[in-house]
């Protein structure tokens, strides 16, 4: 995956389902359309939860990076 430049970063490390998704939803509402949110998480569920949430809410799932048990997920606000 190419390097993605996030406009806003959200740290949800230490939080478990559903909190990373709840925090993502709150953050997305405050962003401009087209901006990219980077979500840091250590809950492995984020790998399936975030793509599903994006599909349900009409946001663009850009991908995930995994390193040392931490995940960085990228979402572009579309609506």
C-alpha atoms as a PDB file:
ATOM      1  CA  UNK A   1       0.000   0.000   0.000  1.00  0.00           C
ATOM      2  CA  UNK A   2       1.310   3.423  -0.908  1.00  0.00           C
ATOM      3  CA  UNK A   3       1.916   5.947   1.826  1.00  0.00           C
ATOM      4  CA  UNK A   4      -1.385   7.586   2.792  1.00  0.00           C
ATOM      5  CA  UNK A   5      -1.313  11.065   4.290  1.00  0.00           C
ATOM      6  CA  UNK A   6      -3.965  11.416   6.967  1.00  0.00           C
ATOM      7  CA  UNK A   7      -5.550  14.764   7.768  1.00  0.00           C
ATOM      8  CA  UNK A   8      -6.541  13.655  11.263  1.00  0.00           C
ATOM      9  CA  UNK A   9      -5.268  10.850  13.511  1.00  0.00           C
ATOM     10  CA  UNK A  10      -7.349   9.039  16.110  1.00  0.00           C
ATOM     11  CA  UNK A  11      -5.777   6.872  18.823  1.00  0.00           C
ATOM     12  CA  UNK A  12      -8.030   4.021  19.963  1.00  0.00           C
ATOM     13  CA  UNK A  13      -5.236   1.803  21.308  1.00  0.00           C
ATOM     14  CA  UNK A  14      -6.473   0.022  24.424  1.00  0.00           C
ATOM     15  CA  UNK A  15     -10.126   0.274  23.365  1.00  0.00           C
ATOM     16  CA  UNK A  16     -12.100  -2.737  22.205  1.00  0.00           C
ATOM     17  CA  UNK A  17     -15.212  -3.246  20.109  1.00  0.00           C
ATOM     18  CA  UNK A  18     -17.320  -1.247  19.661  1.00  0.00           C
ATOM     19  CA  UNK A  19     -15.339   1.766  20.899  1.00  0.00           C
ATOM     20  CA  UNK A  20     -12.895   2.148  17.970  1.00  0.00           C
ATOM     21  CA  UNK A  21     -15.909   2.302  15.620  1.00  0.00           C
ATOM     22  CA  UNK A  22     -17.833   4.651  17.929  1.00  0.00           C
ATOM     23  CA  UNK A  23     -14.825   6.993  18.169  1.00  0.00           C
ATOM     24  CA  UNK A  24     -14.344   6.804  14.384  1.00  0.00           C
ATOM     25  CA  UNK A  25     -17.984   7.770  13.786  1.00  0.00           C
ATOM     26  CA  UNK A  26     -17.625  10.748  16.139  1.00  0.00           C
ATOM     27  CA  UNK A  27     -14.402  11.907  14.476  1.00  0.00           C
ATOM     28  CA  UNK A  28     -15.736  11.523  10.906  1.00  0.00           C
ATOM     29  CA  UNK A  29     -18.697  13.812  11.712  1.00  0.00           C
ATOM     30  CA  UNK A  30     -16.255  16.631  12.539  1.00  0.00           C
ATOM     31  CA  UNK A  31     -14.228  16.250   9.322  1.00  0.00           C
ATOM     32  CA  UNK A  32     -14.597  17.841   5.910  1.00  0.00           C
ATOM     33  CA  UNK A  33     -15.695  15.692   2.988  1.00  0.00           C
ATOM     34  CA  UNK A  34     -12.601  14.269   1.287  1.00  0.00           C
ATOM     35  CA  UNK A  35     -10.417  14.332   4.382  1.00  0.00           C
ATOM     36  CA  UNK A  36      -8.657  11.158   5.514  1.00  0.00           C
ATOM     37  CA  UNK A  37      -8.800   9.765   9.049  1.00  0.00           C
ATOM     38  CA  UNK A  38      -6.093   7.475  10.402  1.00  0.00           C
ATOM     39  CA  UNK A  39      -7.276   5.226  13.238  1.00  0.00           C
ATOM     40  CA  UNK A  40      -4.657   3.524  15.425  1.00  0.00           C
ATOM     41  CA  UNK A  41      -5.951   0.422  17.203  1.00  0.00           C
ATOM     42  CA  UNK A  42      -4.715  -2.749  18.840  1.00  0.00           C
ATOM     43  CA  UNK A  43      -8.059  -4.588  18.668  1.00  0.00           C
ATOM     44  CA  UNK A  44      -7.719  -7.175  15.896  1.00  0.00           C
ATOM     45  CA  UNK A  45     -11.442  -6.829  15.182  1.00  0.00           C
ATOM     46  CA  UNK A  46     -10.720  -3.513  13.473  1.00  0.00           C
ATOM     47  CA  UNK A  47      -9.568  -5.504  10.429  1.00  0.00           C
ATOM     48  CA  UNK A  48     -13.143  -6.575   9.679  1.00  0.00           C
ATOM     49  CA  UNK A  49     -15.147  -3.997  11.627  1.00  0.00           C
ATOM     50  CA  UNK A  50     -13.844  -0.925   9.806  1.00  0.00           C
ATOM     51  CA  UNK A  51     -14.466  -2.116   6.220  1.00  0.00           C
ATOM     52  CA  UNK A  52     -18.000  -3.151   7.253  1.00  0.00           C
ATOM     53  CA  UNK A  53     -18.656   0.176   8.961  1.00  0.00           C
ATOM     54  CA  UNK A  54     -17.401   2.084   5.915  1.00  0.00           C
ATOM     55  CA  UNK A  55     -19.685   0.104   3.619  1.00  0.00           C
ATOM     56  CA  UNK A  56     -22.689   0.661   5.906  1.00  0.00           C
ATOM     57  CA  UNK A  57     -22.080   4.411   6.291  1.00  0.00           C
ATOM     58  CA  UNK A  58     -20.884   5.285   2.792  1.00  0.00           C
ATOM     59  CA  UNK A  59     -17.311   6.166   3.722  1.00  0.00           C
ATOM     60  CA  UNK A  60     -14.277   5.007   1.714  1.00  0.00           C
ATOM     61  CA  UNK A  61     -12.100   2.339   3.323  1.00  0.00           C
ATOM     62  CA  UNK A  62      -8.549   3.016   2.082  1.00  0.00           C
ATOM     63  CA  UNK A  63      -6.726   0.159   3.750  1.00  0.00           C
ATOM     64  CA  UNK A  64      -4.849  -1.058   6.777  1.00  0.00           C
ATOM     65  CA  UNK A  65      -1.245  -1.299   7.896  1.00  0.00           C
ATOM     66  CA  UNK A  66      -0.239  -3.751  10.610  1.00  0.00           C
ATOM     67  CA  UNK A  67       2.966  -3.514  12.616  1.00  0.00           C
ATOM     68  CA  UNK A  68       3.923  -5.046  15.966  1.00  0.00           C
ATOM     69  CA  UNK A  69       0.338  -5.826  16.976  1.00  0.00           C
ATOM     70  CA  UNK A  70      -0.918  -2.340  16.166  1.00  0.00           C
ATOM     71  CA  UNK A  71      -3.172  -1.494  13.257  1.00  0.00           C
ATOM     72  CA  UNK A  72      -3.494   1.752  11.335  1.00  0.00           C
ATOM     73  CA  UNK A  73      -6.694   1.994   9.346  1.00  0.00           C
ATOM     74  CA  UNK A  74      -7.419   4.741   6.805  1.00  0.00           C
ATOM     75  CA  UNK A  75     -10.868   6.088   5.985  1.00  0.00           C
ATOM     76  CA  UNK A  76     -11.853   8.919   3.634  1.00  0.00           C
ATOM     77  CA  UNK A  77     -15.007  10.855   4.488  1.00  0.00           C
ATOM     78  CA  UNK A  78     -17.381  10.803   1.522  1.00  0.00           C
ATOM     79  CA  UNK A  79     -20.621  12.039   3.134  1.00  0.00           C
END
